[in-house]
Every structure is written in structure tokens, then in C-alpha cells.
Amino acid sequence: MLRGVHFLPSMATLGNALCGFAAIYVCTLSPQNMGDDPWAIALARNSTLIATYLIVVAAVFDALDGRLARMTRSTTDFGGQLDSLADVISFGCAPAFIALVSFKHHGPQDLPLFISRAVFAIALLYVACAAIRLARFNVMNEHGDQSHQSFQGLPSPGAGLCVTMIAMAHQQLVMNNYSMLGVGVVSLLPLVMLACGLLMVSNMPYPHLVNAFLSGRKSLTKLLLALMLVLLLVVEHRLVFAVAGLVFAFSAPVWWVWKKWKGPGDVVLVPPIAEDQAIVK
């Protein structure tokens, strides 16, 4: 039975890649050129928001493919290479494209030409960093759950979600009539994209959240955290996605700065007890 479902991990990986390509395509749609197709018109009117949801679906596929490969005992080098190729599309190219479209159409207007070119250069740098990050992962990748408990550098799905969730939060703020605040949020996209790109090629350690949550004992703490997350997503999932993405992406550099600022802990030297000293209870 396990051999009969060995294709499921590759199907999940391909679903990841297709969602990334669909997100890029949806961002290019315009309501004026959709004709009489009601589905196409609906997609065009909410193109950026739907594109961000497609990246979320791609992340779900990305979380499933590795788990399915280990469950069906079909972990192969081919699957690892295919997964990285899909991640380049869904968490490299697609987030950069969504960020550029969001900044161009919803960010500050009448910007100097050099700022527009700088934003485009940041998007190119982000894509390059994602490709380098995934190539390094392929070289260092080892099979098995024990070798997938942490990452060296920000994983590309985390970076891609962090960037796209900012665009999703902007859409939510606009829907709630906070247009000025939405402009301020989308204006941060180039800086977030630049930081995420550099963090991907850094040596800072990041945990594998899926494996860390699913492995080990299912404690009451994990259950409560999962319940709280579900409740928050029900209340306001778009803003929660954005905050969670930022917290995960910048947790490692904040922790590094905290350790540098705090410095090494004070060493307490305890004098040895003399041989003739006796402890009487």
C-alpha cells in the first residue's frame, strides 16, 4: 500500500509550484480585459488578495510533501530537487512579484525614479537570495526527521510568507477603511523583502516549526498554543498571518542582538569545600 502512494509527495510538490505560478498570473489580471467571465472578473477585482492566499496554499503543500515522503518511505534526491525548484517559484519569484505590484499600485505615489529602481533592485536581490538559499539547502540536505529540526538561515517558505502576508494585511486594512495605515504598511514591503532576502543567506538558526510541533510528546502546552492560534485565525486571520510571519522571520536576528547586548552571563566561582568540613544533617 505504501508503494502505491509513493507519487503523493511529488504531487504535493507540484501543487506548491502551480500555486506559485497561479499567484503570479492572478496579479496580472485586470477587470477591464476579462470579458464576460464572472470568475475571471472576481479574480481580477481581488487579484492581490487571492494571490496571497495562493502562497498560503503553496506553503501548506510544501509542509505536506516532506511529511508525506517520510510517511510513505519514498524520500529521494529527486523529491528534494523538485521541492527546491517549486520553492523558487512559490517563495522566491511569486512573493517578489506580489510585493512589486502591491507597492506600485497601493504604495506612495509620485516617488523619485531612483526609489522605484531601488525597489525593483531589492526584488531582484530577494529572488537571487532565495535561489542561493535553496541551492545551499540542496547541497547540505540529509534525509530523515532528525536532520530537519532546524534550518541554517531563514527558510524560503518563511521569507515568502512574511513578504506576502504584509500585502495581505494591507488588503485587510483597506477593506476596514484604514487606507492611510494601509499605505504605511505596504510602504514597508521593500524593507521587509530586503531583510528577508539577507536572512535567507545568513547563518542564523531557525527551527522547523512543523517538525518541532509534530515530533515529541503532544503536551498540553502544544495543545493550548494550537487552540489559541486557531482562535486568533478565526477572529482576524489576515493580520495574524502578517504578525506571525514577521515574528518568525525576525526572531533569529532579535535573539542574536539580545545575546550580544546582554553579553556572557556572570560566572559565579564557588570555592571548594575543605576536606575537614563536614555537613551534618
Protein backbone atom coordinates (compact mmCIF):
# COMPACT_ATOMS: atom_id res chain seq x y z
CA MET A 1 0.00 0.00 0.00
CA LEU A 2 2.89 2.35 0.76
CA ARG A 3 4.42 1.71 -2.65
CA GLY A 4 1.10 2.51 -4.28
CA VAL A 5 1.02 6.07 -2.91
CA HIS A 6 4.68 6.95 -3.49
CA PHE A 7 3.62 9.63 -6.01
CA LEU A 8 1.73 11.69 -3.40
CA PRO A 9 4.78 13.70 -2.18
CA SER A 10 5.63 14.71 -5.77
CA MET A 11 2.01 15.69 -6.39
CA ALA A 12 2.08 17.91 -3.31
CA THR A 13 5.34 19.49 -4.50
CA LEU A 14 3.86 20.15 -7.93
CA GLY A 15 0.81 21.67 -6.25
CA ASN A 16 3.21 24.03 -4.48
CA ALA A 17 4.79 25.10 -7.78
CA LEU A 18 1.45 25.53 -9.54
CA CYS A 19 0.08 27.71 -6.74
CA GLY A 20 3.14 29.93 -7.04
CA PHE A 21 2.70 30.31 -10.79
CA ALA A 22 -1.05 30.94 -10.36
CA ALA A 23 -0.29 33.69 -7.83
CA ILE A 24 1.93 35.46 -10.37
CA TYR A 25 -0.71 35.13 -13.08
CA VAL A 26 -3.57 36.37 -10.88
CA CYS A 27 -1.59 39.51 -10.04
CA THR A 28 -1.53 40.46 -13.73
CA LEU A 29 -5.30 40.28 -14.23
CA SER A 30 -7.28 43.45 -14.94
CA PRO A 31 -11.10 43.69 -14.71
CA GLN A 32 -11.21 45.65 -17.98
CA ASN A 33 -9.84 42.75 -20.01
CA MET A 34 -11.84 39.85 -18.59
CA GLY A 35 -14.81 39.99 -20.95
CA ASP A 36 -17.98 38.36 -19.61
CA ASP A 37 -16.33 35.67 -17.49
CA PRO A 38 -17.67 36.23 -13.93
CA TRP A 39 -14.93 34.08 -12.35
CA ALA A 40 -12.18 35.97 -14.12
CA ILE A 41 -13.75 39.31 -13.18
CA ALA A 42 -13.93 38.27 -9.50
CA LEU A 43 -10.29 37.17 -9.59
CA ALA A 44 -9.22 40.44 -11.21
CA ARG A 45 -11.06 42.60 -8.68
CA ASN A 46 -9.29 40.88 -5.77
CA SER A 47 -6.12 39.87 -7.57
CA THR A 48 -3.56 40.76 -4.89
CA LEU A 49 -5.55 39.23 -2.05
CA ILE A 50 -6.18 35.99 -3.93
CA ALA A 51 -2.51 35.81 -4.90
CA THR A 52 -1.52 35.97 -1.23
CA TYR A 53 -3.93 33.14 -0.41
CA LEU A 54 -2.38 31.06 -3.17
CA ILE A 55 1.01 31.47 -1.48
CA VAL A 56 -0.55 30.23 1.76
CA VAL A 57 -1.87 27.16 -0.07
CA ALA A 58 1.59 26.66 -1.58
CA ALA A 59 3.06 26.71 1.93
CA VAL A 60 0.57 24.04 3.00
CA PHE A 61 1.64 21.85 0.08
CA ASP A 62 5.28 22.50 0.98
CA ALA A 63 4.67 21.40 4.57
CA LEU A 64 2.90 18.26 3.41
CA ASP A 65 5.29 16.94 0.77
CA GLY A 66 8.19 16.20 3.10
CA ARG A 67 5.90 14.67 5.71
CA LEU A 68 4.20 12.52 3.06
CA ALA A 69 7.56 11.40 1.69
CA ARG A 70 8.68 10.17 5.10
CA MET A 71 5.32 8.58 5.87
CA THR A 72 5.30 6.64 2.58
CA ARG A 73 9.05 5.88 2.82
CA SER A 74 9.65 7.47 -0.57
CA THR A 75 12.25 10.10 0.37
CA THR A 76 14.51 10.57 -2.66
CA ASP A 77 17.03 13.05 -4.01
CA PHE A 78 14.64 13.69 -6.91
CA GLY A 79 11.95 14.84 -4.48
CA GLY A 80 14.38 17.17 -2.74
CA GLN A 81 15.45 18.77 -6.01
CA LEU A 82 11.85 19.12 -7.18
CA ASP A 83 10.86 20.68 -3.87
CA SER A 84 13.55 23.34 -4.17
CA LEU A 85 12.56 24.15 -7.75
CA ALA A 86 8.96 24.60 -6.63
CA ASP A 87 10.06 26.79 -3.72
CA VAL A 88 11.96 29.10 -6.07
CA ILE A 89 8.68 29.78 -7.86
CA SER A 90 6.31 29.97 -4.89
CA PHE A 91 8.53 31.61 -2.26
CA GLY A 92 11.10 33.36 -4.44
CA CYS A 93 9.58 34.75 -7.64
CA ALA A 94 5.91 34.97 -6.60
CA PRO A 95 6.38 36.95 -3.34
CA ALA A 96 8.74 39.40 -5.05
CA PHE A 97 6.22 39.92 -7.86
CA ILE A 98 3.33 40.40 -5.41
CA ALA A 99 5.40 42.90 -3.43
CA LEU A 100 6.26 44.89 -6.57
CA VAL A 101 2.63 45.00 -7.73
CA SER A 102 1.38 45.97 -4.27
CA PHE A 103 3.97 48.71 -3.86
CA LYS A 104 3.37 50.08 -7.35
CA HIS A 105 -0.43 50.24 -7.16
CA HIS A 106 -1.02 50.85 -3.45
CA GLY A 107 2.18 52.43 -2.13
CA PRO A 108 3.23 56.08 -2.07
CA GLN A 109 2.72 57.82 -5.40
CA ASP A 110 4.97 60.25 -7.32
CA LEU A 111 8.15 58.73 -5.92
CA PRO A 112 11.53 59.70 -7.39
CA LEU A 113 12.75 57.47 -10.17
CA PHE A 114 15.75 56.18 -8.21
CA ILE A 115 13.45 54.87 -5.43
CA SER A 116 11.36 52.91 -7.94
CA ARG A 117 14.51 51.44 -9.41
CA ALA A 118 15.82 50.64 -5.92
CA VAL A 119 12.61 48.75 -5.09
CA PHE A 120 12.96 46.73 -8.29
CA ALA A 121 16.60 46.00 -7.44
CA ILE A 122 15.54 44.79 -3.97
CA ALA A 123 13.06 42.41 -5.59
CA LEU A 124 15.81 41.04 -7.83
CA LEU A 125 18.09 40.62 -4.83
CA TYR A 126 15.35 38.78 -2.94
CA VAL A 127 14.87 36.29 -5.80
CA ALA A 128 18.63 35.76 -6.05
CA CYS A 129 18.90 35.14 -2.30
CA ALA A 130 16.03 32.65 -2.44
CA ALA A 131 17.77 30.73 -5.24
CA ILE A 132 21.08 30.72 -3.33
CA ARG A 133 19.31 29.64 -0.13
CA LEU A 134 17.64 26.70 -1.84
CA ALA A 135 20.81 25.66 -3.67
CA ARG A 136 22.66 25.62 -0.35
CA PHE A 137 19.85 23.58 1.18
CA ASN A 138 20.11 21.00 -1.61
CA VAL A 139 23.84 20.61 -1.03
CA MET A 140 23.51 20.27 2.75
CA ASN A 141 20.23 18.34 2.81
CA GLU A 142 20.10 14.97 4.53
CA HIS A 143 17.19 12.55 4.69
CA GLY A 144 15.39 11.86 7.95
CA ASP A 145 13.46 13.82 10.56
CA GLN A 146 16.48 14.37 12.79
CA SER A 147 18.22 16.46 10.11
CA HIS A 148 15.13 18.61 9.56
CA GLN A 149 14.61 20.01 13.04
CA SER A 150 16.30 23.33 12.23
CA PHE A 151 17.50 25.41 9.29
CA GLN A 152 20.63 27.44 8.62
CA GLY A 153 19.25 30.77 7.52
CA LEU A 154 15.63 31.82 7.15
CA PRO A 155 13.80 29.10 5.18
CA SER A 156 12.35 30.30 1.89
CA PRO A 157 8.71 29.49 2.83
CA GLY A 158 9.07 31.65 5.93
CA ALA A 159 10.54 34.51 3.91
CA GLY A 160 7.91 34.22 1.18
CA LEU A 161 5.05 34.12 3.66
CA CYS A 162 6.45 37.08 5.59
CA VAL A 163 6.53 39.22 2.44
CA THR A 164 3.14 38.17 1.08
CA MET A 165 1.41 38.42 4.46
CA ILE A 166 2.35 42.11 4.58
CA ALA A 167 0.46 42.52 1.31
CA MET A 168 -2.45 40.53 2.78
CA ALA A 169 -2.54 42.76 5.86
CA HIS A 170 -2.61 45.82 3.60
CA GLN A 171 -5.66 44.44 1.82
CA GLN A 172 -7.41 43.88 5.15
CA LEU A 173 -6.66 47.41 6.32
CA VAL A 174 -8.06 48.85 3.09
CA MET A 175 -11.23 46.76 3.49
CA ASN A 176 -11.61 48.17 7.02
CA ASN A 177 -11.29 51.74 5.69
CA TYR A 178 -7.81 52.28 7.11
CA SER A 179 -6.39 53.41 3.79
CA MET A 180 -3.65 55.66 5.18
CA LEU A 181 -2.45 52.96 7.55
CA GLY A 182 -2.55 50.53 4.64
CA VAL A 183 -0.27 52.80 2.60
CA GLY A 184 2.16 52.88 5.50
CA VAL A 185 2.14 49.08 5.78
CA VAL A 186 2.69 48.49 2.07
CA SER A 187 5.49 51.05 2.13
CA LEU A 188 7.41 48.68 4.42
CA LEU A 189 7.37 45.91 1.82
CA PRO A 190 10.73 46.77 0.20
CA LEU A 191 12.48 46.88 3.58
CA VAL A 192 10.88 43.60 4.70
CA MET A 193 11.78 42.00 1.38
CA LEU A 194 15.39 43.16 1.66
CA ALA A 195 15.71 41.90 5.24
CA CYS A 196 14.14 38.52 4.41
CA GLY A 197 16.43 38.08 1.43
CA LEU A 198 19.55 38.71 3.51
CA LEU A 199 18.29 36.48 6.32
CA MET A 200 17.81 33.61 3.87
CA VAL A 201 21.54 33.57 3.06
CA SER A 202 22.62 34.17 6.65
CA ASN A 203 23.88 31.52 9.08
CA MET A 204 21.28 32.25 11.75
CA PRO A 205 19.45 29.15 13.01
CA TYR A 206 15.69 28.81 12.60
CA PRO A 207 13.52 25.97 13.90
CA HIS A 208 11.44 23.74 11.64
CA LEU A 209 8.07 24.64 13.11
CA VAL A 210 6.08 21.76 11.58
CA ASN A 211 8.51 19.03 12.63
CA ALA A 212 9.07 20.64 16.02
CA PHE A 213 5.34 20.72 16.69
CA LEU A 214 4.56 17.24 15.39
CA SER A 215 7.55 15.47 16.90
CA GLY A 216 7.91 14.51 20.52
CA ARG A 217 5.17 14.31 23.09
CA LYS A 218 1.92 16.12 22.41
CA SER A 219 1.98 18.13 25.61
CA LEU A 220 -0.79 20.28 27.00
CA THR A 221 1.25 23.38 26.14
CA LYS A 222 1.31 22.48 22.46
CA LEU A 223 -2.42 21.82 22.53
CA LEU A 224 -3.15 25.20 24.13
CA LEU A 225 -0.87 27.04 21.71
CA ALA A 226 -2.58 25.37 18.76
CA LEU A 227 -6.00 26.24 20.17
CA MET A 228 -5.01 29.89 20.71
CA LEU A 229 -3.66 30.11 17.18
CA VAL A 230 -6.88 28.69 15.73
CA LEU A 231 -8.98 31.16 17.72
CA LEU A 232 -6.84 34.09 16.60
CA LEU A 233 -7.11 32.98 12.99
CA VAL A 234 -10.88 32.81 13.30
CA VAL A 235 -11.03 36.34 14.74
CA GLU A 236 -8.66 38.06 12.26
CA HIS A 237 -6.60 35.62 10.22
CA ARG A 238 -5.04 38.11 7.80
CA LEU A 239 -3.46 40.32 10.43
CA VAL A 240 -2.48 37.26 12.48
CA PHE A 241 -0.72 35.80 9.44
CA ALA A 242 1.22 39.04 8.98
CA VAL A 243 2.28 39.29 12.63
CA ALA A 244 3.23 35.62 12.78
CA GLY A 245 5.32 35.94 9.62
CA LEU A 246 7.19 38.95 10.97
CA VAL A 247 7.78 37.33 14.35
CA PHE A 248 9.20 34.16 12.81
CA ALA A 249 11.36 35.95 10.23
CA PHE A 250 12.92 38.40 12.69
CA SER A 251 13.08 36.16 15.76
CA ALA A 252 16.63 34.99 14.99
CA PRO A 253 18.22 38.44 14.48
CA VAL A 254 16.38 39.85 17.52
CA TRP A 255 17.65 36.95 19.63
CA TRP A 256 21.18 37.48 18.27
CA VAL A 257 21.07 41.19 19.14
CA TRP A 258 19.71 40.36 22.59
CA LYS A 259 22.56 37.94 23.28
CA LYS A 260 25.14 40.46 22.07
CA TRP A 261 23.65 43.21 24.21
CA LYS A 262 23.29 41.03 27.28
CA GLY A 263 26.80 39.62 26.93
CA PRO A 264 28.11 36.50 28.60
CA GLY A 265 26.47 35.59 31.84
CA ASP A 266 28.19 36.26 35.12
CA VAL A 267 30.33 33.36 36.21
CA VAL A 268 29.97 32.52 39.87
CA LEU A 269 33.02 30.80 41.30
CA VAL A 270 32.18 28.55 44.23
CA PRO A 271 35.17 27.84 46.49
CA PRO A 272 35.84 24.18 47.09
CA ILE A 273 34.82 22.71 50.40
CA ALA A 274 37.72 21.78 52.58
CA GLU A 275 38.15 18.08 53.37
CA ASP A 276 37.80 18.63 57.07
CA GLN A 277 34.44 20.40 56.69
CA ALA A 278 31.54 18.07 57.37
CA ILE A 279 27.90 18.61 56.55
CA VAL A 280 25.72 17.29 59.33
CA LYS A 281 22.02 16.81 58.82
